[in-house]
């Protein structure tokens, strides 16, 4: 039976652009899941010191604020929100 590589391949390409502390192993393991599931499960494996937020939709006010203006506890929900967005 043929495998649909479309979503998995798209997730792997998307994950390859992100900084991972585990070399991307979590993203590879979860690549067959929908992107929001992969992002949620692999959130802790992201290199949080190297992520820069850009809210292109204007829907997340936290992502638009500077790091000095926002407490660290607020960044986690912001990241989860941004990674839950569908990228076209």
N, C-alpha and C. Protein backbone atom coordinates (compact mmCIF):
# COMPACT_ATOMS: atom_id res chain seq x y z
N UNK A 1 0.84 -1.17 0.00
CA UNK A 1 0.00 0.00 0.00
C UNK A 1 0.90 1.25 0.00
N UNK A 2 0.68 2.20 -0.90
CA UNK A 2 1.51 3.39 -0.98
C UNK A 2 1.34 4.29 0.25
N UNK A 3 2.42 4.95 0.61
CA UNK A 3 2.42 5.86 1.75
C UNK A 3 2.25 7.28 1.24
N UNK A 4 1.40 8.06 1.90
CA UNK A 4 1.24 9.47 1.55
C UNK A 4 2.33 10.27 2.28
N UNK A 5 3.39 10.62 1.56
CA UNK A 5 4.51 11.34 2.14
C UNK A 5 4.26 12.84 2.22
N UNK A 6 3.17 13.31 1.61
CA UNK A 6 2.90 14.74 1.57
C UNK A 6 2.98 15.45 2.91
N UNK A 7 2.09 15.10 3.87
CA UNK A 7 2.11 15.80 5.16
C UNK A 7 3.40 15.56 5.94
N UNK A 8 3.89 14.33 5.94
CA UNK A 8 5.12 14.02 6.68
C UNK A 8 6.30 14.81 6.10
N UNK A 9 6.41 14.80 4.80
CA UNK A 9 7.51 15.52 4.14
C UNK A 9 7.40 17.02 4.41
N UNK A 10 6.19 17.56 4.33
CA UNK A 10 5.98 18.99 4.60
C UNK A 10 6.38 19.32 6.04
N UNK A 11 6.02 18.47 6.99
CA UNK A 11 6.39 18.70 8.39
C UNK A 11 7.90 18.63 8.58
N UNK A 12 8.55 17.69 7.91
CA UNK A 12 10.01 17.58 8.02
C UNK A 12 10.70 18.82 7.45
N UNK A 13 10.19 19.31 6.33
CA UNK A 13 10.76 20.53 5.75
C UNK A 13 10.57 21.71 6.70
N UNK A 14 9.41 21.83 7.26
CA UNK A 14 9.09 22.92 8.19
C UNK A 14 9.96 22.82 9.45
N UNK A 15 10.08 21.62 9.99
CA UNK A 15 10.87 21.41 11.20
C UNK A 15 12.35 21.67 10.96
N UNK A 16 12.81 21.42 9.74
CA UNK A 16 14.23 21.61 9.42
C UNK A 16 14.65 23.07 9.53
N UNK A 17 13.71 23.99 9.52
CA UNK A 17 14.04 25.41 9.60
C UNK A 17 14.14 25.90 11.04
N UNK A 18 13.86 25.03 12.01
CA UNK A 18 13.84 25.43 13.42
C UNK A 18 15.06 24.93 14.16
N UNK A 19 15.47 25.65 15.21
CA UNK A 19 16.60 25.19 16.03
C UNK A 19 16.14 24.16 17.07
N UNK A 20 16.76 23.00 17.07
CA UNK A 20 16.39 21.92 17.98
C UNK A 20 17.54 21.60 18.91
N UNK A 21 17.24 21.32 20.17
CA UNK A 21 18.28 20.91 21.11
C UNK A 21 18.58 19.42 21.00
N UNK A 22 17.70 18.68 20.34
CA UNK A 22 17.89 17.23 20.20
C UNK A 22 18.27 16.83 18.78
N UNK A 23 18.68 17.80 17.98
CA UNK A 23 19.05 17.52 16.60
C UNK A 23 17.86 17.23 15.71
N UNK A 24 16.65 17.50 16.19
CA UNK A 24 15.45 17.28 15.40
C UNK A 24 14.84 15.89 15.55
N UNK A 25 15.38 15.08 16.47
CA UNK A 25 14.87 13.71 16.63
C UNK A 25 13.39 13.67 16.97
N UNK A 26 12.93 14.57 17.84
CA UNK A 26 11.51 14.58 18.20
C UNK A 26 10.66 14.91 16.97
N UNK A 27 11.09 15.88 16.19
CA UNK A 27 10.33 16.28 15.00
C UNK A 27 10.25 15.13 13.99
N UNK A 28 11.32 14.39 13.84
CA UNK A 28 11.31 13.24 12.92
C UNK A 28 10.34 12.18 13.44
N UNK A 29 10.39 11.93 14.74
CA UNK A 29 9.51 10.93 15.35
C UNK A 29 8.03 11.31 15.19
N UNK A 30 7.71 12.61 15.29
CA UNK A 30 6.32 13.07 15.27
C UNK A 30 5.89 13.61 13.90
N UNK A 31 6.71 13.48 12.88
CA UNK A 31 6.45 14.11 11.58
C UNK A 31 5.16 13.64 10.91
N UNK A 32 4.68 12.46 11.24
CA UNK A 32 3.45 11.96 10.62
C UNK A 32 2.19 12.57 11.23
N UNK A 33 2.34 13.25 12.35
CA UNK A 33 1.21 13.89 13.02
C UNK A 33 0.92 15.23 12.35
N UNK A 34 -0.28 15.79 12.57
CA UNK A 34 -0.54 17.16 12.09
C UNK A 34 0.44 18.13 12.75
N UNK A 35 0.78 19.21 12.05
CA UNK A 35 1.78 20.15 12.56
C UNK A 35 1.49 20.64 13.97
N UNK A 36 0.27 21.02 14.33
CA UNK A 36 0.04 21.48 15.71
C UNK A 36 0.36 20.42 16.76
N UNK A 37 0.15 19.15 16.44
CA UNK A 37 0.48 18.06 17.37
C UNK A 37 1.99 17.94 17.49
N UNK A 38 2.69 17.97 16.37
CA UNK A 38 4.15 17.91 16.39
C UNK A 38 4.71 19.06 17.22
N UNK A 39 4.21 20.27 17.00
CA UNK A 39 4.71 21.45 17.72
C UNK A 39 4.48 21.32 19.22
N UNK A 40 3.35 20.82 19.60
CA UNK A 40 3.04 20.65 21.03
C UNK A 40 3.93 19.58 21.66
N UNK A 41 4.07 18.45 21.00
CA UNK A 41 4.86 17.35 21.56
C UNK A 41 6.35 17.64 21.59
N UNK A 42 6.83 18.44 20.66
CA UNK A 42 8.26 18.70 20.55
C UNK A 42 8.66 20.08 21.07
N UNK A 43 7.73 20.77 21.70
CA UNK A 43 7.99 22.13 22.19
C UNK A 43 9.24 22.19 23.07
N UNK A 44 9.39 21.23 23.99
CA UNK A 44 10.52 21.25 24.91
C UNK A 44 11.85 21.01 24.21
N UNK A 45 11.83 20.40 23.03
CA UNK A 45 13.07 20.12 22.30
C UNK A 45 13.54 21.31 21.47
N UNK A 46 12.73 22.36 21.38
CA UNK A 46 13.15 23.56 20.65
C UNK A 46 14.21 24.31 21.44
N UNK A 47 15.14 24.92 20.75
CA UNK A 47 16.17 25.75 21.39
C UNK A 47 15.56 27.13 21.60
N UNK A 48 14.99 27.36 22.76
CA UNK A 48 14.24 28.58 23.05
C UNK A 48 15.11 29.83 23.02
N UNK A 49 16.41 29.68 23.21
CA UNK A 49 17.31 30.84 23.16
C UNK A 49 17.54 31.33 21.73
N UNK A 50 17.21 30.52 20.75
CA UNK A 50 17.46 30.89 19.36
C UNK A 50 16.20 31.17 18.55
N UNK A 51 15.05 31.18 19.21
CA UNK A 51 13.79 31.43 18.51
C UNK A 51 13.45 32.90 18.59
N UNK A 52 13.10 33.47 17.47
CA UNK A 52 12.66 34.86 17.40
C UNK A 52 11.22 34.87 16.90
N UNK A 53 10.37 35.63 17.56
CA UNK A 53 8.95 35.63 17.22
C UNK A 53 8.62 36.72 16.22
N UNK A 54 7.88 36.35 15.20
CA UNK A 54 7.35 37.30 14.21
C UNK A 54 5.89 36.95 13.98
N UNK A 55 5.00 37.80 14.45
CA UNK A 55 3.57 37.56 14.30
C UNK A 55 3.11 38.23 13.01
N UNK A 56 3.15 37.49 11.92
CA UNK A 56 2.79 38.05 10.62
C UNK A 56 1.30 38.30 10.47
N UNK A 57 0.50 37.64 11.30
CA UNK A 57 -0.95 37.81 11.21
C UNK A 57 -1.46 38.93 12.10
N UNK A 58 -0.64 39.38 13.05
CA UNK A 58 -1.07 40.43 13.97
C UNK A 58 -2.06 39.93 15.02
N UNK A 59 -2.14 38.62 15.22
CA UNK A 59 -3.10 38.05 16.15
C UNK A 59 -2.54 37.82 17.55
N UNK A 60 -1.24 37.92 17.71
CA UNK A 60 -0.63 37.61 19.01
C UNK A 60 0.16 38.81 19.50
N UNK A 61 -0.41 39.54 20.46
CA UNK A 61 0.26 40.74 20.95
C UNK A 61 1.54 40.41 21.70
N UNK A 62 1.61 39.24 22.33
CA UNK A 62 2.81 38.85 23.06
C UNK A 62 3.99 38.67 22.11
N UNK A 63 3.75 38.11 20.94
CA UNK A 63 4.83 37.88 19.97
C UNK A 63 5.40 39.18 19.45
N UNK A 64 4.61 40.24 19.46
CA UNK A 64 5.06 41.53 18.96
C UNK A 64 5.83 42.32 20.00
N UNK A 65 5.73 41.95 21.27
CA UNK A 65 6.40 42.67 22.35
C UNK A 65 7.85 42.23 22.44
N UNK A 66 8.69 43.12 22.94
CA UNK A 66 10.10 42.79 23.15
C UNK A 66 10.26 41.87 24.34
N UNK A 67 11.34 41.11 24.37
CA UNK A 67 11.58 40.16 25.47
C UNK A 67 11.65 40.87 26.81
N UNK A 68 12.20 42.08 26.84
CA UNK A 68 12.31 42.82 28.09
C UNK A 68 10.95 43.25 28.61
N UNK A 69 9.99 43.41 27.72
CA UNK A 69 8.66 43.89 28.12
C UNK A 69 7.75 42.77 28.58
N UNK A 70 8.12 41.54 28.32
CA UNK A 70 7.25 40.41 28.63
C UNK A 70 7.99 39.43 29.52
N UNK A 71 7.34 38.96 30.57
CA UNK A 71 7.94 37.97 31.45
C UNK A 71 8.13 36.65 30.74
N UNK A 72 9.11 35.88 31.17
CA UNK A 72 9.40 34.60 30.51
C UNK A 72 8.23 33.64 30.56
N UNK A 73 7.41 33.69 31.60
CA UNK A 73 6.29 32.78 31.72
C UNK A 73 5.24 32.98 30.64
N UNK A 74 5.26 34.12 29.99
CA UNK A 74 4.27 34.42 28.96
C UNK A 74 4.70 33.87 27.61
N UNK A 75 5.98 33.62 27.41
CA UNK A 75 6.48 33.18 26.11
C UNK A 75 5.97 31.80 25.73
N UNK A 76 5.81 30.90 26.71
CA UNK A 76 5.38 29.54 26.38
C UNK A 76 4.02 29.52 25.69
N UNK A 77 2.98 30.20 26.24
CA UNK A 77 1.71 30.22 25.52
C UNK A 77 1.81 30.90 24.15
N UNK A 78 2.66 31.91 24.05
CA UNK A 78 2.82 32.60 22.76
C UNK A 78 3.40 31.65 21.72
N UNK A 79 4.41 30.89 22.11
CA UNK A 79 5.01 29.95 21.18
C UNK A 79 4.01 28.88 20.76
N UNK A 80 3.27 28.37 21.73
CA UNK A 80 2.28 27.34 21.39
C UNK A 80 1.22 27.90 20.45
N UNK A 81 0.84 29.15 20.66
CA UNK A 81 -0.14 29.77 19.76
C UNK A 81 0.43 29.90 18.35
N UNK A 82 1.65 30.40 18.24
CA UNK A 82 2.25 30.60 16.93
C UNK A 82 2.44 29.28 16.19
N UNK A 83 2.84 28.26 16.90
CA UNK A 83 3.07 26.97 16.25
C UNK A 83 1.77 26.25 15.92
N UNK A 84 0.67 26.68 16.53
CA UNK A 84 -0.61 26.05 16.20
C UNK A 84 -1.21 26.64 14.93
N UNK A 85 -0.69 27.77 14.48
CA UNK A 85 -1.20 28.38 13.25
C UNK A 85 -0.83 27.52 12.05
N UNK A 86 -1.71 27.45 11.11
CA UNK A 86 -1.43 26.71 9.88
C UNK A 86 -0.62 27.61 8.96
N UNK A 87 0.53 27.15 8.52
CA UNK A 87 1.37 27.91 7.61
C UNK A 87 1.05 27.43 6.21
N UNK A 88 0.80 28.38 5.31
CA UNK A 88 0.43 27.99 3.94
C UNK A 88 1.55 27.73 3.04
